[in-house]
């Protein structure tokens, strides 16, 4: 069971390892929250160049973890994601691992935002599709409220 919380990340340093679609979604949300985001990946989607992030085009190094408030492992390489999770865990830095909820210190819920209202839906990593379906229903309900 997880404890739900909304974090103030304004000005906090956050590391995203990976630069594909999942990492892009994470990085966009973190930038929106005001985090100072560093992205580390040997290759990246062109959209990353449009974001105000520090983009380091190289492989992950364990030392990248130091000084981070949060870490996200979002590569398509299970071994790299596991290495990121282990390094963050050893450094006692909360980590989210996109492909392994059991390695996460925290989960990122499906989120709805309307002005200052935010609603988060989580299934504890067990059913992301259900969380997305519920999010869509809530979005529909909020849009009919005006």
C-alpha atoms as a PDB file:
ATOM      1  CA  UNK A   1       0.000   0.000   0.000  1.00  0.00           C
ATOM      2  CA  UNK A   2       1.283   3.462  -0.861  1.00  0.00           C
ATOM      3  CA  UNK A   3       0.740   6.772   0.912  1.00  0.00           C
ATOM      4  CA  UNK A   4      -0.607   9.430  -1.489  1.00  0.00           C
ATOM      5  CA  UNK A   5       1.208  12.765  -1.521  1.00  0.00           C
ATOM      6  CA  UNK A   6       1.664  15.804  -3.769  1.00  0.00           C
ATOM      7  CA  UNK A   7       5.287  17.017  -3.789  1.00  0.00           C
ATOM      8  CA  UNK A   8       6.575  20.556  -4.160  1.00  0.00           C
ATOM      9  CA  UNK A   9       9.394  20.052  -6.670  1.00  0.00           C
ATOM     10  CA  UNK A  10       9.914  23.703  -7.521  1.00  0.00           C
ATOM     11  CA  UNK A  11      13.673  24.209  -7.877  1.00  0.00           C
ATOM     12  CA  UNK A  12      14.457  20.629  -6.790  1.00  0.00           C
ATOM     13  CA  UNK A  13      16.898  18.602  -8.884  1.00  0.00           C
ATOM     14  CA  UNK A  14      15.417  15.535 -10.529  1.00  0.00           C
ATOM     15  CA  UNK A  15      17.133  12.947 -12.709  1.00  0.00           C
ATOM     16  CA  UNK A  16      15.383  11.164 -15.576  1.00  0.00           C
ATOM     17  CA  UNK A  17      17.348   8.269 -17.060  1.00  0.00           C
ATOM     18  CA  UNK A  18      16.064   7.535 -20.543  1.00  0.00           C
ATOM     19  CA  UNK A  19      14.761   9.756 -23.318  1.00  0.00           C
ATOM     20  CA  UNK A  20      11.974   7.883 -25.066  1.00  0.00           C
ATOM     21  CA  UNK A  21       8.199   8.409 -24.914  1.00  0.00           C
ATOM     22  CA  UNK A  22       7.787   7.420 -21.261  1.00  0.00           C
ATOM     23  CA  UNK A  23      10.741   9.535 -20.161  1.00  0.00           C
ATOM     24  CA  UNK A  24       9.394  12.477 -22.190  1.00  0.00           C
ATOM     25  CA  UNK A  25       6.041  12.270 -20.395  1.00  0.00           C
ATOM     26  CA  UNK A  26       7.828  12.182 -17.026  1.00  0.00           C
ATOM     27  CA  UNK A  27      10.160  15.069 -17.941  1.00  0.00           C
ATOM     28  CA  UNK A  28       7.266  17.249 -19.151  1.00  0.00           C
ATOM     29  CA  UNK A  29       5.368  16.732 -15.902  1.00  0.00           C
ATOM     30  CA  UNK A  30       8.457  17.474 -13.833  1.00  0.00           C
ATOM     31  CA  UNK A  31       9.198  20.665 -15.767  1.00  0.00           C
ATOM     32  CA  UNK A  32       5.561  21.696 -15.323  1.00  0.00           C
ATOM     33  CA  UNK A  33       6.017  21.198 -11.560  1.00  0.00           C
ATOM     34  CA  UNK A  34       9.057  23.506 -11.592  1.00  0.00           C
ATOM     35  CA  UNK A  35      11.755  20.869 -11.116  1.00  0.00           C
ATOM     36  CA  UNK A  36      15.300  21.333 -12.417  1.00  0.00           C
ATOM     37  CA  UNK A  37      15.468  18.255 -14.638  1.00  0.00           C
ATOM     38  CA  UNK A  38      18.535  16.438 -15.925  1.00  0.00           C
ATOM     39  CA  UNK A  39      17.975  13.809 -18.616  1.00  0.00           C
ATOM     40  CA  UNK A  40      20.669  11.181 -19.232  1.00  0.00           C
ATOM     41  CA  UNK A  41      20.460   8.923 -22.264  1.00  0.00           C
ATOM     42  CA  UNK A  42      22.706   7.889 -25.172  1.00  0.00           C
ATOM     43  CA  UNK A  43      19.945   8.974 -27.592  1.00  0.00           C
ATOM     44  CA  UNK A  44      16.822  11.101 -27.236  1.00  0.00           C
ATOM     45  CA  UNK A  45      13.604  12.037 -28.977  1.00  0.00           C
ATOM     46  CA  UNK A  46      13.805  15.443 -30.693  1.00  0.00           C
ATOM     47  CA  UNK A  47      11.080  16.784 -28.362  1.00  0.00           C
ATOM     48  CA  UNK A  48      13.582  16.805 -25.500  1.00  0.00           C
ATOM     49  CA  UNK A  49      15.447  19.638 -27.204  1.00  0.00           C
ATOM     50  CA  UNK A  50      12.354  21.827 -26.785  1.00  0.00           C
ATOM     51  CA  UNK A  51      12.231  21.284 -23.009  1.00  0.00           C
ATOM     52  CA  UNK A  52      14.123  23.364 -20.443  1.00  0.00           C
ATOM     53  CA  UNK A  53      16.122  20.363 -19.218  1.00  0.00           C
ATOM     54  CA  UNK A  54      19.818  19.600 -18.963  1.00  0.00           C
ATOM     55  CA  UNK A  55      20.286  16.952 -21.641  1.00  0.00           C
ATOM     56  CA  UNK A  56      23.314  14.686 -21.248  1.00  0.00           C
ATOM     57  CA  UNK A  57      23.746  12.427 -24.269  1.00  0.00           C
ATOM     58  CA  UNK A  58      25.546   9.468 -22.737  1.00  0.00           C
ATOM     59  CA  UNK A  59      24.937   6.308 -20.719  1.00  0.00           C
ATOM     60  CA  UNK A  60      23.878   6.421 -17.069  1.00  0.00           C
ATOM     61  CA  UNK A  61      26.633   6.527 -14.418  1.00  0.00           C
ATOM     62  CA  UNK A  62      26.035   5.702 -10.758  1.00  0.00           C
ATOM     63  CA  UNK A  63      27.388   9.139  -9.830  1.00  0.00           C
ATOM     64  CA  UNK A  64      24.462  10.767 -11.664  1.00  0.00           C
ATOM     65  CA  UNK A  65      22.306   9.942  -8.619  1.00  0.00           C
ATOM     66  CA  UNK A  66      24.149  12.262  -6.232  1.00  0.00           C
ATOM     67  CA  UNK A  67      22.293  15.364  -5.093  1.00  0.00           C
ATOM     68  CA  UNK A  68      18.980  14.442  -6.698  1.00  0.00           C
ATOM     69  CA  UNK A  69      15.655  14.891  -4.915  1.00  0.00           C
ATOM     70  CA  UNK A  70      14.012  12.188  -7.058  1.00  0.00           C
ATOM     71  CA  UNK A  71      15.132   9.769  -9.743  1.00  0.00           C
ATOM     72  CA  UNK A  72      13.162   8.261 -12.618  1.00  0.00           C
ATOM     73  CA  UNK A  73      14.379   5.166 -14.499  1.00  0.00           C
ATOM     74  CA  UNK A  74      12.548   5.202 -17.826  1.00  0.00           C
ATOM     75  CA  UNK A  75      14.711   3.419 -20.371  1.00  0.00           C
ATOM     76  CA  UNK A  76      13.751   0.469 -22.563  1.00  0.00           C
ATOM     77  CA  UNK A  77      16.636  -1.495 -21.025  1.00  0.00           C
ATOM     78  CA  UNK A  78      15.660  -3.570 -17.973  1.00  0.00           C
ATOM     79  CA  UNK A  79      19.285  -3.894 -16.819  1.00  0.00           C
ATOM     80  CA  UNK A  80      19.835  -0.117 -16.874  1.00  0.00           C
ATOM     81  CA  UNK A  81      16.558   0.524 -15.048  1.00  0.00           C
ATOM     82  CA  UNK A  82      17.560  -2.005 -12.385  1.00  0.00           C
ATOM     83  CA  UNK A  83      20.996  -0.364 -12.052  1.00  0.00           C
ATOM     84  CA  UNK A  84      19.361   3.074 -11.610  1.00  0.00           C
ATOM     85  CA  UNK A  85      16.967   1.680  -8.981  1.00  0.00           C
ATOM     86  CA  UNK A  86      19.810   0.045  -7.047  1.00  0.00           C
ATOM     87  CA  UNK A  87      21.979   3.175  -7.114  1.00  0.00           C
ATOM     88  CA  UNK A  88      19.093   5.388  -5.981  1.00  0.00           C
ATOM     89  CA  UNK A  89      18.134   2.929  -3.254  1.00  0.00           C
ATOM     90  CA  UNK A  90      21.694   2.797  -1.924  1.00  0.00           C
ATOM     91  CA  UNK A  91      21.775   6.612  -1.893  1.00  0.00           C
ATOM     92  CA  UNK A  92      18.350   6.699  -0.189  1.00  0.00           C
ATOM     93  CA  UNK A  93      16.889   8.791  -2.992  1.00  0.00           C
ATOM     94  CA  UNK A  94      13.299   7.970  -3.962  1.00  0.00           C
ATOM     95  CA  UNK A  95      13.134   6.288  -7.351  1.00  0.00           C
ATOM     96  CA  UNK A  96      10.372   5.489  -9.816  1.00  0.00           C
ATOM     97  CA  UNK A  97      11.087   2.653 -12.250  1.00  0.00           C
ATOM     98  CA  UNK A  98       8.806   2.762 -15.281  1.00  0.00           C
ATOM     99  CA  UNK A  99       8.860  -0.976 -16.010  1.00  0.00           C
ATOM    100  CA  UNK A 100       9.041  -2.428 -12.482  1.00  0.00           C
ATOM    101  CA  UNK A 101       6.614  -1.151  -9.821  1.00  0.00           C
ATOM    102  CA  UNK A 102       8.188  -3.536  -7.292  1.00  0.00           C
ATOM    103  CA  UNK A 103      11.456  -1.559  -7.543  1.00  0.00           C
ATOM    104  CA  UNK A 104       9.761   1.817  -6.997  1.00  0.00           C
ATOM    105  CA  UNK A 105       9.982   3.896  -3.836  1.00  0.00           C
ATOM    106  CA  UNK A 106       6.990   5.841  -5.185  1.00  0.00           C
ATOM    107  CA  UNK A 107       4.465   5.539  -7.992  1.00  0.00           C
ATOM    108  CA  UNK A 108       3.274   8.276 -10.323  1.00  0.00           C
ATOM    109  CA  UNK A 109      -0.511   8.209 -10.494  1.00  0.00           C
ATOM    110  CA  UNK A 110      -2.674   8.911 -13.480  1.00  0.00           C
ATOM    111  CA  UNK A 111      -3.487  12.591 -13.013  1.00  0.00           C
ATOM    112  CA  UNK A 112      -6.243  14.996 -13.987  1.00  0.00           C
ATOM    113  CA  UNK A 113      -5.648  18.719 -13.770  1.00  0.00           C
ATOM    114  CA  UNK A 114      -8.217  21.466 -14.163  1.00  0.00           C
ATOM    115  CA  UNK A 115      -6.843  24.826 -13.006  1.00  0.00           C
ATOM    116  CA  UNK A 116      -5.674  24.360  -9.418  1.00  0.00           C
ATOM    117  CA  UNK A 117      -7.699  21.172  -8.995  1.00  0.00           C
ATOM    118  CA  UNK A 118      -5.710  17.961  -9.312  1.00  0.00           C
ATOM    119  CA  UNK A 119      -7.092  14.468  -8.963  1.00  0.00           C
ATOM    120  CA  UNK A 120      -4.761  11.474  -8.890  1.00  0.00           C
ATOM    121  CA  UNK A 121      -5.739   7.859  -9.528  1.00  0.00           C
ATOM    122  CA  UNK A 122      -3.509   4.910  -8.695  1.00  0.00           C
ATOM    123  CA  UNK A 123      -3.897   1.159  -8.617  1.00  0.00           C
ATOM    124  CA  UNK A 124      -0.583   0.616  -6.851  1.00  0.00           C
ATOM    125  CA  UNK A 125       0.996  -0.349 -10.152  1.00  0.00           C
ATOM    126  CA  UNK A 126      -1.289  -3.366 -10.511  1.00  0.00           C
ATOM    127  CA  UNK A 127      -3.533  -2.067 -13.305  1.00  0.00           C
ATOM    128  CA  UNK A 128      -2.324   1.038 -15.144  1.00  0.00           C
ATOM    129  CA  UNK A 129      -5.057   0.577 -17.776  1.00  0.00           C
ATOM    130  CA  UNK A 130      -7.759   0.759 -15.088  1.00  0.00           C
ATOM    131  CA  UNK A 131      -6.189   3.926 -13.661  1.00  0.00           C
ATOM    132  CA  UNK A 132      -6.218   5.522 -17.126  1.00  0.00           C
ATOM    133  CA  UNK A 133      -9.853   4.483 -17.696  1.00  0.00           C
ATOM    134  CA  UNK A 134     -10.872   5.976 -14.345  1.00  0.00           C
ATOM    135  CA  UNK A 135      -8.915   9.140 -15.114  1.00  0.00           C
ATOM    136  CA  UNK A 136     -10.816   9.527 -18.391  1.00  0.00           C
ATOM    137  CA  UNK A 137     -14.161   9.116 -16.640  1.00  0.00           C
ATOM    138  CA  UNK A 138     -13.212  11.735 -14.050  1.00  0.00           C
ATOM    139  CA  UNK A 139     -12.047  14.090 -16.811  1.00  0.00           C
ATOM    140  CA  UNK A 140     -15.416  13.675 -18.552  1.00  0.00           C
ATOM    141  CA  UNK A 141     -17.268  14.376 -15.298  1.00  0.00           C
ATOM    142  CA  UNK A 142     -15.191  17.490 -14.641  1.00  0.00           C
ATOM    143  CA  UNK A 143     -15.693  18.794 -18.173  1.00  0.00           C
ATOM    144  CA  UNK A 144     -19.481  18.581 -17.783  1.00  0.00           C
ATOM    145  CA  UNK A 145     -19.239  20.598 -14.540  1.00  0.00           C
ATOM    146  CA  UNK A 146     -18.072  23.608 -16.561  1.00  0.00           C
END
